[in-house]
N, C-alpha and C. Protein backbone atom coordinates (compact mmCIF):
# COMPACT_ATOMS: atom_id res chain seq x y z
N MET A 1 19.85 25.55 -38.51
CA MET A 1 20.61 24.52 -38.38
C MET A 1 21.06 24.63 -36.78
N PHE A 2 21.28 23.49 -36.50
CA PHE A 2 21.49 23.26 -35.04
C PHE A 2 23.19 22.62 -34.67
N GLU A 3 23.54 23.43 -33.88
CA GLU A 3 25.16 23.01 -33.55
C GLU A 3 25.36 21.79 -32.56
N ILE A 4 26.10 20.87 -32.94
CA ILE A 4 26.40 19.71 -31.88
C ILE A 4 27.43 20.10 -31.01
N GLU A 5 27.13 19.99 -29.79
CA GLU A 5 28.18 20.17 -28.79
C GLU A 5 28.58 18.87 -28.06
N LYS A 6 29.85 18.80 -27.66
CA LYS A 6 30.35 17.80 -26.93
C LYS A 6 30.69 18.36 -25.37
N GLY A 7 30.77 17.27 -24.67
CA GLY A 7 31.03 17.46 -23.13
C GLY A 7 30.12 18.30 -22.27
N ILE A 8 28.84 18.53 -22.78
CA ILE A 8 28.06 19.07 -21.70
C ILE A 8 27.30 18.15 -20.97
N PRO A 9 27.42 18.46 -19.37
CA PRO A 9 27.11 17.34 -18.39
C PRO A 9 25.58 17.26 -18.60
N LEU A 10 25.07 15.94 -18.31
CA LEU A 10 23.41 16.04 -18.16
C LEU A 10 22.85 16.92 -17.00
N SER A 11 21.98 17.54 -17.06
CA SER A 11 21.39 18.34 -16.14
C SER A 11 20.79 17.19 -14.92
N PRO A 12 20.55 17.76 -13.87
CA PRO A 12 19.78 17.01 -12.89
C PRO A 12 18.58 16.92 -13.08
N ILE A 13 17.75 16.05 -12.77
CA ILE A 13 16.12 16.32 -13.05
C ILE A 13 15.77 16.91 -11.78
N VAL A 14 14.70 17.97 -12.19
CA VAL A 14 14.18 18.71 -11.53
C VAL A 14 12.77 18.39 -10.83
N ARG A 15 12.51 17.74 -9.76
CA ARG A 15 11.12 17.14 -9.30
C ARG A 15 10.15 18.62 -9.08
N ARG A 16 8.89 18.11 -9.24
CA ARG A 16 8.02 19.35 -8.63
C ARG A 16 7.00 18.29 -8.16
N GLY A 17 5.91 19.02 -7.32
CA GLY A 17 4.86 18.16 -6.91
C GLY A 17 5.05 18.41 -5.10
N ARG A 18 4.64 17.03 -4.65
CA ARG A 18 4.69 17.04 -3.27
C ARG A 18 5.96 16.62 -2.73
N PRO A 19 6.57 17.23 -1.57
CA PRO A 19 7.77 16.97 -1.14
C PRO A 19 7.72 15.45 -0.85
N ARG A 20 9.16 14.74 -0.73
CA ARG A 20 9.10 13.43 -0.27
C ARG A 20 8.84 12.97 1.14
N ILE A 21 8.11 12.08 1.61
CA ILE A 21 7.93 11.72 2.65
C ILE A 21 8.73 10.69 3.32
N TYR A 22 8.97 9.47 2.48
CA TYR A 22 10.19 8.66 2.83
C TYR A 22 11.40 8.82 2.45
N PRO A 23 12.46 8.23 3.24
CA PRO A 23 13.93 8.82 3.07
C PRO A 23 14.33 7.48 1.92
N PHE A 24 13.82 6.95 0.93
CA PHE A 24 14.16 5.79 0.34
C PHE A 24 15.51 6.52 -0.33
N GLY A 25 15.75 7.28 -0.83
CA GLY A 25 16.74 7.66 -1.55
C GLY A 25 18.47 7.68 -0.51
N ASP A 26 18.24 7.80 0.58
CA ASP A 26 19.01 7.83 1.72
C ASP A 26 19.36 6.38 2.27
N MET A 27 18.60 5.52 1.93
CA MET A 27 18.64 3.96 2.39
C MET A 27 20.05 3.14 1.63
N GLN A 28 20.55 2.60 2.44
CA GLN A 28 21.71 1.36 1.96
C GLN A 28 21.16 0.19 2.00
N PRO A 29 21.75 -0.77 1.01
CA PRO A 29 21.46 -2.35 1.31
C PRO A 29 21.36 -2.38 2.87
N GLY A 30 20.29 -3.39 3.14
CA GLY A 30 20.07 -3.68 4.19
C GLY A 30 19.45 -2.88 5.21
N ASP A 31 19.14 -1.79 5.17
CA ASP A 31 18.38 -0.79 5.57
C ASP A 31 17.06 -0.95 5.66
N SER A 32 16.15 -0.66 6.45
CA SER A 32 14.75 -0.89 6.43
C SER A 32 13.88 0.50 7.17
N LEU A 33 12.76 0.27 6.84
CA LEU A 33 11.77 1.36 7.27
C LEU A 33 10.17 0.67 7.72
N PHE A 34 10.03 1.11 8.99
CA PHE A 34 8.49 0.57 9.29
C PHE A 34 7.42 1.52 9.15
N ILE A 35 6.29 1.34 8.40
CA ILE A 35 5.58 2.13 8.37
C ILE A 35 4.27 2.02 8.84
N PRO A 36 3.80 2.43 9.90
CA PRO A 36 2.30 2.05 10.29
C PRO A 36 0.96 2.11 9.19
N LEU A 37 0.06 1.38 9.56
CA LEU A 37 -0.95 1.54 8.53
C LEU A 37 -1.55 2.60 8.52
N GLY A 38 -1.90 3.44 9.79
CA GLY A 38 -2.23 4.63 9.39
C GLY A 38 -3.67 4.98 9.02
N THR A 39 -3.63 5.91 7.72
CA THR A 39 -5.09 6.10 7.28
C THR A 39 -5.22 5.13 6.06
N HIS A 40 -4.44 4.44 5.64
CA HIS A 40 -4.55 3.45 4.62
C HIS A 40 -5.72 2.37 4.79
N PRO A 41 -6.39 1.99 3.97
CA PRO A 41 -7.67 1.16 4.47
C PRO A 41 -6.92 -0.21 4.64
N THR A 42 -6.16 -0.64 3.94
CA THR A 42 -5.41 -1.86 4.13
C THR A 42 -4.03 -2.04 3.98
N LEU A 43 -3.34 -3.03 4.41
CA LEU A 43 -1.86 -3.34 4.34
C LEU A 43 -1.79 -3.44 2.83
N ILE A 44 -2.40 -3.87 1.91
CA ILE A 44 -2.02 -4.21 0.39
C ILE A 44 -2.07 -2.77 -0.09
N SER A 45 -2.81 -1.92 0.30
CA SER A 45 -2.86 -0.46 -0.39
C SER A 45 -1.70 0.38 -0.03
N LEU A 46 -1.09 0.14 1.41
CA LEU A 46 -0.17 0.72 1.62
C LEU A 46 1.02 0.25 1.30
N GLY A 47 1.35 -1.17 1.11
CA GLY A 47 2.47 -1.64 0.56
C GLY A 47 2.36 -1.31 -1.03
N ARG A 48 1.53 -1.29 -1.66
CA ARG A 48 1.73 -0.69 -3.11
C ARG A 48 2.10 0.60 -3.20
N MET A 49 1.47 1.42 -2.55
CA MET A 49 1.82 2.84 -2.28
C MET A 49 3.38 3.34 -2.18
N LEU A 50 3.76 2.35 -1.16
CA LEU A 50 5.56 2.44 -0.85
C LEU A 50 6.11 1.86 -1.84
N TYR A 51 5.83 0.95 -2.50
CA TYR A 51 6.66 0.32 -3.68
C TYR A 51 6.62 1.40 -4.87
N VAL A 52 5.63 2.14 -5.26
CA VAL A 52 5.57 3.10 -6.25
C VAL A 52 6.33 4.21 -5.75
N ALA A 53 6.37 4.67 -4.44
CA ALA A 53 7.03 5.66 -4.03
C ALA A 53 8.27 5.40 -4.01
N ALA A 54 8.86 4.16 -3.44
CA ALA A 54 10.36 3.83 -3.71
C ALA A 54 10.93 3.77 -5.00
N ARG A 55 10.32 2.96 -6.17
CA ARG A 55 10.44 3.24 -7.47
C ARG A 55 10.74 4.81 -8.26
N ARG A 56 9.89 5.67 -7.52
CA ARG A 56 9.98 7.12 -8.23
C ARG A 56 11.27 7.56 -7.72
N VAL A 57 11.62 7.56 -6.65
CA VAL A 57 12.92 8.51 -5.93
C VAL A 57 14.37 7.82 -5.74
N THR A 58 14.24 6.42 -6.41
CA THR A 58 15.61 5.93 -6.39
C THR A 58 16.01 5.33 -7.77
N ASP A 59 17.21 4.74 -7.60
CA ASP A 59 17.94 4.26 -8.88
C ASP A 59 17.16 3.17 -9.49
N VAL A 60 17.33 3.10 -10.73
CA VAL A 60 16.57 2.00 -11.46
C VAL A 60 17.20 0.42 -10.95
N ASN A 61 18.52 0.57 -10.70
CA ASN A 61 19.17 -0.81 -10.25
C ASN A 61 18.71 -1.27 -8.58
N TRP A 62 18.13 -0.28 -7.84
CA TRP A 62 17.84 -0.81 -6.63
C TRP A 62 16.95 -1.59 -6.31
N THR A 63 16.63 -2.58 -5.55
CA THR A 63 15.60 -3.36 -5.47
C THR A 63 15.00 -3.42 -3.68
N PHE A 64 13.76 -3.25 -3.83
CA PHE A 64 12.99 -3.27 -2.62
C PHE A 64 12.19 -4.41 -2.22
N LYS A 65 12.18 -4.96 -1.01
CA LYS A 65 11.17 -6.03 -0.89
C LYS A 65 10.40 -4.99 0.49
N ILE A 66 9.10 -5.51 0.38
CA ILE A 66 8.23 -5.11 1.26
C ILE A 66 7.39 -6.24 2.19
N ARG A 67 7.27 -6.46 3.42
CA ARG A 67 6.48 -7.66 3.99
C ARG A 67 5.63 -6.86 5.06
N ARG A 68 4.48 -7.65 5.12
CA ARG A 68 3.65 -7.04 6.09
C ARG A 68 3.96 -7.41 7.66
N ASP A 69 3.57 -6.70 8.63
CA ASP A 69 4.19 -6.48 9.89
C ASP A 69 2.88 -6.45 10.72
N ILE A 70 2.01 -7.84 10.80
CA ILE A 70 0.73 -7.76 11.08
C ILE A 70 0.60 -7.05 12.81
N GLU A 71 1.70 -7.91 13.45
CA GLU A 71 1.94 -7.68 15.12
C GLU A 71 1.90 -6.41 15.40
N ASN A 72 2.52 -5.55 14.50
CA ASN A 72 2.71 -3.98 14.57
C ASN A 72 1.84 -2.88 13.87
N ASN A 73 0.90 -3.60 12.83
CA ASN A 73 -0.08 -3.15 12.44
C ASN A 73 0.42 -2.24 11.34
N GLY A 74 1.27 -2.62 10.49
CA GLY A 74 1.97 -2.04 9.54
C GLY A 74 2.71 -2.77 8.27
N VAL A 75 3.77 -2.14 7.56
CA VAL A 75 4.63 -2.70 6.78
C VAL A 75 5.93 -2.37 6.96
N ARG A 76 6.69 -3.35 6.60
CA ARG A 76 8.27 -2.99 6.38
C ARG A 76 9.02 -3.05 5.12
N ILE A 77 9.59 -2.10 4.78
CA ILE A 77 10.11 -2.00 3.53
C ILE A 77 11.77 -1.96 3.71
N TRP A 78 12.56 -2.98 2.94
CA TRP A 78 13.78 -3.17 3.06
C TRP A 78 14.56 -2.49 1.62
N ARG A 79 15.70 -2.00 1.67
CA ARG A 79 16.33 -1.90 0.14
C ARG A 79 17.26 -3.06 0.49
N ILE A 80 17.44 -3.85 -0.70
CA ILE A 80 17.95 -5.12 -0.77
C ILE A 80 19.40 -4.63 -1.74
N SER A 81 19.24 -3.86 -2.48
CA SER A 81 20.33 -3.86 -3.49
C SER A 81 20.28 -2.34 -4.05
């Protein structure tokens, strides 16, 4: 038989794997990051990778927007909310 317990706080999520590269969790609404193209073959693949990375490390209710920065050969990601 299992005992029902009340008032036990939820444990934090323990993440394993690669360390985080981008500080998405520290961003406030209105903050942005510029990421150069670097080793990514296209700006589109870099943008997709950033979007997935941002969703993994942040609150579900946070919103990000990504735009290409062709002049500087990279992308910029903003935290909107």
